[in-house]
Amino acid sequence: MNQEVVAVVEQGEGGVWVEATQRSACGSCNARSGCGQHSLSKLGRPMRLWIPTDKHYQVGDQVILSLPQGGLALSALLLYGLPLLGLIAGAILGQRLGTDLLSAVVGIMGLGLGFLVAKKLSEQFTKQWHPQIIDGCAGVISTKLVE
């Protein structure tokens, strides 16, 4: 399970908006050209993430966010791979049954079916893939950021 220190930047009904507080090694290592963290930091705007929670946190609190191991890769494979597989399978089936036009139509239908199946599966696994705030980590949870 991956963990990241994040800061609560906004409260909402049923959860909080968080942003990563750790800007890690940008500027202090020599791997800038191959570093994803450096590339993301050059975009300028930090990424915000909505985390549903029943607990109440104050703006500025630092919390530890738990990211499921392999959850990002699995969800990307599901959300992009299934529609692509549906498109290819539909196009091949349409080509075997008839013309190029039928191949295109059945391919688009396979793409749509892939999106529907991906949506249903993502709704089923959303709890397992969604990051969660870890409780009970002394020294990090609910400590104010010093600016």
N, C-alpha and C. Protein backbone atom coordinates (compact mmCIF):
# COMPACT_ATOMS: atom_id res chain seq x y z
N MET A 1 0.84 -1.17 0.00
CA MET A 1 0.00 0.00 0.00
C MET A 1 0.89 1.24 0.00
N ASN A 2 0.65 2.15 -0.90
CA ASN A 2 1.42 3.39 -0.98
C ASN A 2 0.79 4.43 -0.06
N GLN A 3 1.65 5.28 0.51
CA GLN A 3 1.17 6.34 1.39
C GLN A 3 1.77 7.66 0.97
N GLU A 4 1.00 8.72 1.14
CA GLU A 4 1.44 10.07 0.78
C GLU A 4 0.93 11.04 1.84
N VAL A 5 1.76 11.98 2.22
CA VAL A 5 1.35 13.03 3.16
C VAL A 5 0.67 14.12 2.34
N VAL A 6 -0.55 14.48 2.74
CA VAL A 6 -1.32 15.49 2.03
C VAL A 6 -1.85 16.51 3.04
N ALA A 7 -2.23 17.66 2.53
CA ALA A 7 -2.79 18.71 3.39
C ALA A 7 -4.25 18.92 3.02
N VAL A 8 -5.08 19.09 4.02
CA VAL A 8 -6.49 19.41 3.81
C VAL A 8 -6.57 20.86 3.38
N VAL A 9 -7.15 21.13 2.20
CA VAL A 9 -7.22 22.50 1.70
C VAL A 9 -8.65 23.05 1.67
N GLU A 10 -9.63 22.16 1.80
CA GLU A 10 -11.01 22.62 1.80
C GLU A 10 -11.90 21.53 2.38
N GLN A 11 -12.91 21.95 3.14
CA GLN A 11 -13.86 21.01 3.70
C GLN A 11 -15.11 21.01 2.84
N GLY A 12 -15.79 19.89 2.84
CA GLY A 12 -17.05 19.79 2.11
C GLY A 12 -17.98 18.84 2.83
N GLU A 13 -19.17 18.71 2.31
CA GLU A 13 -20.16 17.81 2.89
C GLU A 13 -19.77 16.37 2.60
N GLY A 14 -19.40 15.62 3.63
CA GLY A 14 -19.07 14.21 3.47
C GLY A 14 -17.63 13.93 3.09
N GLY A 15 -16.75 14.93 3.13
CA GLY A 15 -15.36 14.69 2.79
C GLY A 15 -14.53 15.95 2.80
N VAL A 16 -13.30 15.81 2.31
CA VAL A 16 -12.37 16.93 2.26
C VAL A 16 -11.62 16.92 0.93
N TRP A 17 -11.16 18.11 0.52
CA TRP A 17 -10.27 18.25 -0.62
C TRP A 17 -8.85 18.29 -0.08
N VAL A 18 -7.95 17.51 -0.66
CA VAL A 18 -6.56 17.48 -0.21
C VAL A 18 -5.62 17.77 -1.37
N GLU A 19 -4.42 18.25 -1.02
CA GLU A 19 -3.34 18.46 -1.98
C GLU A 19 -2.07 17.88 -1.38
N ALA A 20 -1.20 17.38 -2.23
CA ALA A 20 0.07 16.84 -1.75
C ALA A 20 0.92 17.96 -1.17
N THR A 21 1.51 17.71 -0.01
CA THR A 21 2.35 18.71 0.63
C THR A 21 3.82 18.45 0.36
N GLN A 22 4.15 17.24 -0.02
CA GLN A 22 5.54 16.86 -0.21
C GLN A 22 5.95 17.18 -1.64
N ARG A 23 6.87 18.09 -1.81
CA ARG A 23 7.39 18.44 -3.12
C ARG A 23 8.71 17.72 -3.36
N SER A 24 8.96 16.74 -2.58
CA SER A 24 10.11 15.84 -2.52
C SER A 24 11.41 16.47 -3.00
N ALA A 25 12.04 15.87 -3.96
CA ALA A 25 13.43 16.20 -4.28
C ALA A 25 13.60 17.20 -5.41
N CYS A 26 12.55 17.85 -5.84
CA CYS A 26 12.69 18.78 -6.96
C CYS A 26 13.74 19.84 -6.64
N GLY A 27 14.76 19.88 -7.44
CA GLY A 27 15.82 20.84 -7.24
C GLY A 27 16.98 20.30 -6.43
N SER A 28 16.83 19.13 -5.79
CA SER A 28 17.92 18.63 -4.97
C SER A 28 18.55 17.35 -5.50
N CYS A 29 18.10 16.87 -6.65
CA CYS A 29 18.75 15.69 -7.22
C CYS A 29 19.10 15.95 -8.68
N ASN A 30 19.85 15.05 -9.27
CA ASN A 30 20.30 15.22 -10.65
C ASN A 30 19.43 14.51 -11.67
N ALA A 31 18.35 13.89 -11.25
CA ALA A 31 17.51 13.11 -12.15
C ALA A 31 16.33 13.90 -12.69
N ARG A 32 16.50 15.20 -12.87
CA ARG A 32 15.38 16.05 -13.26
C ARG A 32 14.75 15.65 -14.59
N SER A 33 15.56 15.31 -15.57
CA SER A 33 15.00 15.01 -16.89
C SER A 33 14.18 13.73 -16.89
N GLY A 34 14.48 12.80 -15.99
CA GLY A 34 13.74 11.54 -15.96
C GLY A 34 12.82 11.42 -14.78
N CYS A 35 12.60 12.50 -14.07
CA CYS A 35 11.81 12.45 -12.84
C CYS A 35 10.39 12.92 -13.09
N GLY A 36 9.44 12.05 -12.79
CA GLY A 36 8.04 12.42 -12.97
C GLY A 36 7.60 13.50 -12.01
N GLN A 37 8.14 13.49 -10.79
CA GLN A 37 7.79 14.52 -9.80
C GLN A 37 8.21 15.90 -10.29
N HIS A 38 9.40 15.98 -10.89
CA HIS A 38 9.88 17.25 -11.41
C HIS A 38 8.99 17.74 -12.56
N SER A 39 8.61 16.81 -13.43
CA SER A 39 7.75 17.17 -14.56
C SER A 39 6.39 17.67 -14.09
N LEU A 40 5.82 16.99 -13.10
CA LEU A 40 4.52 17.40 -12.58
C LEU A 40 4.60 18.74 -11.85
N SER A 41 5.71 18.99 -11.16
CA SER A 41 5.82 20.25 -10.43
C SER A 41 5.94 21.43 -11.38
N LYS A 42 6.43 21.19 -12.61
CA LYS A 42 6.55 22.27 -13.59
C LYS A 42 5.19 22.67 -14.16
N LEU A 43 4.18 21.84 -14.00
CA LEU A 43 2.85 22.19 -14.48
C LEU A 43 2.26 23.35 -13.69
N GLY A 44 2.77 23.58 -12.49
CA GLY A 44 2.39 24.75 -11.73
C GLY A 44 1.27 24.54 -10.74
N ARG A 45 0.19 23.93 -11.13
CA ARG A 45 -0.96 23.79 -10.26
C ARG A 45 -0.94 22.43 -9.56
N PRO A 46 -1.00 22.41 -8.24
CA PRO A 46 -1.01 21.12 -7.54
C PRO A 46 -2.33 20.38 -7.80
N MET A 47 -2.26 19.08 -7.78
CA MET A 47 -3.45 18.28 -8.02
C MET A 47 -4.27 18.16 -6.75
N ARG A 48 -5.57 18.43 -6.87
CA ARG A 48 -6.51 18.30 -5.76
C ARG A 48 -7.24 16.98 -5.89
N LEU A 49 -7.57 16.40 -4.75
CA LEU A 49 -8.26 15.12 -4.73
C LEU A 49 -9.34 15.15 -3.66
N TRP A 50 -10.54 14.69 -4.01
CA TRP A 50 -11.66 14.61 -3.07
C TRP A 50 -11.58 13.29 -2.34
N ILE A 51 -11.58 13.34 -1.01
CA ILE A 51 -11.54 12.14 -0.19
C ILE A 51 -12.78 12.12 0.70
N PRO A 52 -13.69 11.16 0.47
CA PRO A 52 -14.85 11.07 1.34
C PRO A 52 -14.44 10.57 2.73
N THR A 53 -14.94 11.22 3.76
CA THR A 53 -14.63 10.83 5.14
C THR A 53 -15.73 11.32 6.08
N ASP A 54 -15.91 10.57 7.16
CA ASP A 54 -16.86 10.98 8.19
C ASP A 54 -16.20 11.86 9.24
N LYS A 55 -14.88 11.81 9.31
CA LYS A 55 -14.14 12.60 10.30
C LYS A 55 -14.07 14.06 9.86
N HIS A 56 -13.89 14.94 10.84
CA HIS A 56 -13.79 16.36 10.56
C HIS A 56 -12.35 16.81 10.71
N TYR A 57 -11.82 17.39 9.66
CA TYR A 57 -10.46 17.91 9.65
C TYR A 57 -10.53 19.41 9.39
N GLN A 58 -9.54 20.13 9.86
CA GLN A 58 -9.48 21.56 9.64
C GLN A 58 -8.60 21.84 8.44
N VAL A 59 -8.87 22.96 7.77
CA VAL A 59 -8.03 23.37 6.65
C VAL A 59 -6.61 23.57 7.18
N GLY A 60 -5.63 22.96 6.51
CA GLY A 60 -4.25 23.03 6.93
C GLY A 60 -3.77 21.78 7.64
N ASP A 61 -4.68 20.92 8.08
CA ASP A 61 -4.27 19.67 8.73
C ASP A 61 -3.51 18.81 7.73
N GLN A 62 -2.46 18.14 8.22
CA GLN A 62 -1.75 17.16 7.41
C GLN A 62 -2.25 15.78 7.78
N VAL A 63 -2.52 14.97 6.78
CA VAL A 63 -2.99 13.61 7.00
C VAL A 63 -2.22 12.68 6.07
N ILE A 64 -2.24 11.39 6.39
CA ILE A 64 -1.61 10.40 5.54
C ILE A 64 -2.70 9.75 4.69
N LEU A 65 -2.47 9.76 3.39
CA LEU A 65 -3.41 9.19 2.44
C LEU A 65 -2.89 7.83 2.01
N SER A 66 -3.71 6.82 2.10
CA SER A 66 -3.34 5.47 1.71
C SER A 66 -3.87 5.21 0.30
N LEU A 67 -2.95 4.87 -0.61
CA LEU A 67 -3.31 4.58 -1.99
C LEU A 67 -3.18 3.08 -2.19
N PRO A 68 -4.25 2.41 -2.64
CA PRO A 68 -4.19 0.96 -2.81
C PRO A 68 -3.09 0.53 -3.77
N GLN A 69 -2.34 -0.51 -3.40
CA GLN A 69 -1.26 -1.02 -4.24
C GLN A 69 -1.83 -1.56 -5.55
N GLY A 70 -1.38 -1.04 -6.64
CA GLY A 70 -1.83 -1.51 -7.95
C GLY A 70 -3.18 -0.99 -8.36
N GLY A 71 -3.84 -0.21 -7.52
CA GLY A 71 -5.18 0.28 -7.82
C GLY A 71 -5.22 1.19 -9.04
N LEU A 72 -4.22 2.06 -9.16
CA LEU A 72 -4.18 2.98 -10.29
C LEU A 72 -3.98 2.22 -11.60
N ALA A 73 -3.05 1.27 -11.60
CA ALA A 73 -2.78 0.50 -12.82
C ALA A 73 -3.98 -0.35 -13.20
N LEU A 74 -4.60 -0.98 -12.21
CA LEU A 74 -5.75 -1.83 -12.49
C LEU A 74 -6.94 -1.02 -12.99
N SER A 75 -7.19 0.12 -12.38
CA SER A 75 -8.31 0.94 -12.81
C SER A 75 -8.07 1.52 -14.21
N ALA A 76 -6.83 1.91 -14.51
CA ALA A 76 -6.51 2.40 -15.86
C ALA A 76 -6.67 1.30 -16.89
N LEU A 77 -6.22 0.11 -16.55
CA LEU A 77 -6.38 -1.03 -17.47
C LEU A 77 -7.86 -1.30 -17.73
N LEU A 78 -8.65 -1.26 -16.69
CA LEU A 78 -10.09 -1.50 -16.84
C LEU A 78 -10.76 -0.40 -17.65
N LEU A 79 -10.51 0.85 -17.28
CA LEU A 79 -11.23 1.97 -17.90
C LEU A 79 -10.79 2.26 -19.33
N TYR A 80 -9.55 1.92 -19.68
CA TYR A 80 -9.08 2.15 -21.04
C TYR A 80 -9.01 0.85 -21.84
N GLY A 81 -8.63 -0.23 -21.18
CA GLY A 81 -8.44 -1.50 -21.88
C GLY A 81 -9.72 -2.16 -22.35
N LEU A 82 -10.74 -2.18 -21.51
CA LEU A 82 -11.99 -2.83 -21.90
C LEU A 82 -12.66 -2.16 -23.11
N PRO A 83 -12.78 -0.84 -23.14
CA PRO A 83 -13.35 -0.22 -24.35
C PRO A 83 -12.50 -0.48 -25.59
N LEU A 84 -11.19 -0.45 -25.46
CA LEU A 84 -10.32 -0.72 -26.61
C LEU A 84 -10.48 -2.15 -27.07
N LEU A 85 -10.54 -3.07 -26.14
CA LEU A 85 -10.76 -4.48 -26.48
C LEU A 85 -12.11 -4.66 -27.17
N GLY A 86 -13.15 -3.98 -26.67
CA GLY A 86 -14.47 -4.04 -27.31
C GLY A 86 -14.45 -3.50 -28.73
N LEU A 87 -13.72 -2.39 -28.94
CA LEU A 87 -13.59 -1.81 -30.27
C LEU A 87 -12.92 -2.78 -31.24
N ILE A 88 -11.80 -3.35 -30.81
CA ILE A 88 -11.06 -4.27 -31.68
C ILE A 88 -11.86 -5.54 -31.96
N ALA A 89 -12.46 -6.12 -30.91
CA ALA A 89 -13.26 -7.34 -31.10
C ALA A 89 -14.46 -7.07 -31.99
N GLY A 90 -15.11 -5.94 -31.81
CA GLY A 90 -16.26 -5.58 -32.63
C GLY A 90 -15.87 -5.36 -34.09
N ALA A 91 -14.73 -4.71 -34.31
CA ALA A 91 -14.27 -4.47 -35.69
C ALA A 91 -13.92 -5.78 -36.39
N ILE A 92 -13.27 -6.69 -35.67
CA ILE A 92 -12.93 -7.98 -36.26
C ILE A 92 -14.19 -8.78 -36.57
N LEU A 93 -15.12 -8.79 -35.65
CA LEU A 93 -16.38 -9.51 -35.86
C LEU A 93 -17.15 -8.91 -37.03
N GLY A 94 -17.23 -7.60 -37.10
CA GLY A 94 -17.93 -6.94 -38.20
C GLY A 94 -17.27 -7.22 -39.54
N GLN A 95 -15.96 -7.29 -39.58
CA GLN A 95 -15.25 -7.58 -40.82
C GLN A 95 -15.51 -9.01 -41.28
N ARG A 96 -15.58 -9.93 -40.35
CA ARG A 96 -15.84 -11.34 -40.71
C ARG A 96 -17.28 -11.54 -41.18
N LEU A 97 -18.18 -10.70 -40.68
CA LEU A 97 -19.59 -10.83 -41.05
C LEU A 97 -19.94 -10.10 -42.34
N GLY A 98 -19.13 -9.14 -42.75
CA GLY A 98 -19.53 -8.37 -43.93
C GLY A 98 -18.48 -7.39 -44.39
N THR A 99 -18.88 -6.14 -44.54
CA THR A 99 -18.08 -5.12 -45.19
C THR A 99 -17.32 -4.26 -44.17
N ASP A 100 -16.59 -3.30 -44.70
CA ASP A 100 -15.87 -2.36 -43.84
C ASP A 100 -16.83 -1.49 -43.05
N LEU A 101 -17.95 -1.11 -43.66
CA LEU A 101 -18.95 -0.30 -42.96
C LEU A 101 -19.51 -1.06 -41.76
N LEU A 102 -19.82 -2.34 -41.96
CA LEU A 102 -20.32 -3.16 -40.86
C LEU A 102 -19.25 -3.31 -39.79
N SER A 103 -18.00 -3.43 -40.21
CA SER A 103 -16.90 -3.53 -39.26
C SER A 103 -16.82 -2.27 -38.40
N ALA A 104 -16.97 -1.10 -39.01
CA ALA A 104 -16.93 0.16 -38.26
C ALA A 104 -18.11 0.27 -37.29
N VAL A 105 -19.29 -0.09 -37.76
CA VAL A 105 -20.49 0.01 -36.92
C VAL A 105 -20.40 -0.95 -35.74
N VAL A 106 -20.03 -2.20 -35.99
CA VAL A 106 -19.94 -3.19 -34.91
C VAL A 106 -18.78 -2.83 -33.98
N GLY A 107 -17.70 -2.27 -34.52
CA GLY A 107 -16.59 -1.83 -33.69
C GLY A 107 -17.01 -0.73 -32.73
N ILE A 108 -17.78 0.24 -33.21
CA ILE A 108 -18.27 1.32 -32.35
C ILE A 108 -19.22 0.77 -31.30
N MET A 109 -20.03 -0.20 -31.68
CA MET A 109 -20.92 -0.84 -30.70
C MET A 109 -20.10 -1.57 -29.63
N GLY A 110 -19.02 -2.24 -30.05
CA GLY A 110 -18.13 -2.92 -29.09
C GLY A 110 -17.46 -1.92 -28.16
N LEU A 111 -17.08 -0.76 -28.71
CA LEU A 111 -16.50 0.30 -27.90
C LEU A 111 -17.49 0.76 -26.83
N GLY A 112 -18.72 1.01 -27.24
CA GLY A 112 -19.76 1.42 -26.29
C GLY A 112 -20.02 0.37 -25.23
N LEU A 113 -20.05 -0.89 -25.65
CA LEU A 113 -20.25 -1.99 -24.70
C LEU A 113 -19.08 -2.06 -23.72
N GLY A 114 -17.87 -1.84 -24.22
CA GLY A 114 -16.69 -1.83 -23.34
C GLY A 114 -16.77 -0.72 -22.31
N PHE A 115 -17.24 0.47 -22.73
CA PHE A 115 -17.41 1.57 -21.78
C PHE A 115 -18.46 1.23 -20.72
N LEU A 116 -19.56 0.62 -21.12
CA LEU A 116 -20.61 0.25 -20.16
C LEU A 116 -20.11 -0.77 -19.15
N VAL A 117 -19.39 -1.79 -19.62
CA VAL A 117 -18.86 -2.80 -18.71
C VAL A 117 -17.83 -2.17 -17.78
N ALA A 118 -16.97 -1.30 -18.31
CA ALA A 118 -15.97 -0.63 -17.48
C ALA A 118 -16.63 0.23 -16.41
N LYS A 119 -17.70 0.91 -16.77
CA LYS A 119 -18.41 1.74 -15.80
C LYS A 119 -19.02 0.91 -14.68
N LYS A 120 -19.64 -0.20 -15.06
CA LYS A 120 -20.25 -1.07 -14.04
C LYS A 120 -19.19 -1.66 -13.11
N LEU A 121 -18.07 -2.09 -13.67
CA LEU A 121 -17.01 -2.66 -12.84
C LEU A 121 -16.35 -1.59 -11.96
N SER A 122 -16.19 -0.38 -12.49
CA SER A 122 -15.59 0.69 -11.68
C SER A 122 -16.50 1.08 -10.52
N GLU A 123 -17.81 1.04 -10.73
CA GLU A 123 -18.75 1.32 -9.64
C GLU A 123 -18.66 0.22 -8.57
N GLN A 124 -18.43 -1.01 -9.00
CA GLN A 124 -18.34 -2.13 -8.09
C GLN A 124 -17.07 -2.07 -7.24
N PHE A 125 -15.95 -1.61 -7.83
CA PHE A 125 -14.66 -1.62 -7.15
C PHE A 125 -14.22 -0.25 -6.65
N THR A 126 -15.07 0.75 -6.71
CA THR A 126 -14.66 2.11 -6.36
C THR A 126 -14.14 2.22 -4.92
N LYS A 127 -14.72 1.49 -3.99
CA LYS A 127 -14.26 1.54 -2.59
C LYS A 127 -12.84 1.00 -2.45
N GLN A 128 -12.51 -0.04 -3.22
CA GLN A 128 -11.20 -0.65 -3.11
C GLN A 128 -10.13 0.18 -3.81
N TRP A 129 -10.50 0.99 -4.80
CA TRP A 129 -9.53 1.76 -5.56
C TRP A 129 -9.36 3.18 -5.05
N HIS A 130 -10.29 3.66 -4.25
CA HIS A 130 -10.26 5.06 -3.82
C HIS A 130 -9.30 5.25 -2.66
N PRO A 131 -8.47 6.28 -2.71
CA PRO A 131 -7.56 6.56 -1.58
C PRO A 131 -8.36 6.86 -0.31
N GLN A 132 -7.78 6.52 0.83
CA GLN A 132 -8.44 6.76 2.11
C GLN A 132 -7.46 7.39 3.09
N ILE A 133 -7.99 8.15 4.02
CA ILE A 133 -7.17 8.76 5.06
C ILE A 133 -6.93 7.71 6.14
N ILE A 134 -5.65 7.53 6.50
CA ILE A 134 -5.27 6.56 7.53
C ILE A 134 -5.40 7.23 8.89
N ASP A 135 -6.02 6.55 9.83
CA ASP A 135 -6.16 7.06 11.19
C ASP A 135 -5.10 6.45 12.09
N GLY A 136 -4.81 7.15 13.17
CA GLY A 136 -3.94 6.61 14.20
C GLY A 136 -2.46 6.74 13.92
N CYS A 137 -2.05 7.62 13.04
CA CYS A 137 -0.62 7.82 12.78
C CYS A 137 -0.16 9.03 13.58
N ALA A 138 0.39 8.77 14.73
CA ALA A 138 0.80 9.85 15.64
C ALA A 138 1.83 10.75 15.00
N GLY A 139 1.68 12.03 15.24
CA GLY A 139 2.66 12.99 14.76
C GLY A 139 2.35 13.55 13.38
N VAL A 140 1.46 12.93 12.65
CA VAL A 140 1.15 13.44 11.31
C VAL A 140 -0.31 13.83 11.21
N ILE A 141 -1.19 13.01 11.72
CA ILE A 141 -2.63 13.29 11.61
C ILE A 141 -2.96 14.53 12.42
N SER A 142 -3.71 15.40 11.83
CA SER A 142 -4.25 16.60 12.46
C SER A 142 -3.18 17.51 13.05
N THR A 143 -2.07 17.66 12.38
CA THR A 143 -1.09 18.65 12.80
C THR A 143 -1.17 19.80 11.82
N LYS A 144 -1.10 21.02 12.32
CA LYS A 144 -1.22 22.20 11.49
C LYS A 144 0.04 22.40 10.67
N LEU A 145 -0.14 22.86 9.44
CA LEU A 145 0.99 23.23 8.60
C LEU A 145 1.57 24.54 9.10
N VAL A 146 2.87 24.65 9.10
CA VAL A 146 3.54 25.89 9.48
C VAL A 146 3.93 26.59 8.20
N GLU A 147 3.45 27.80 8.02
CA GLU A 147 3.74 28.54 6.79
C GLU A 147 4.65 29.70 7.07
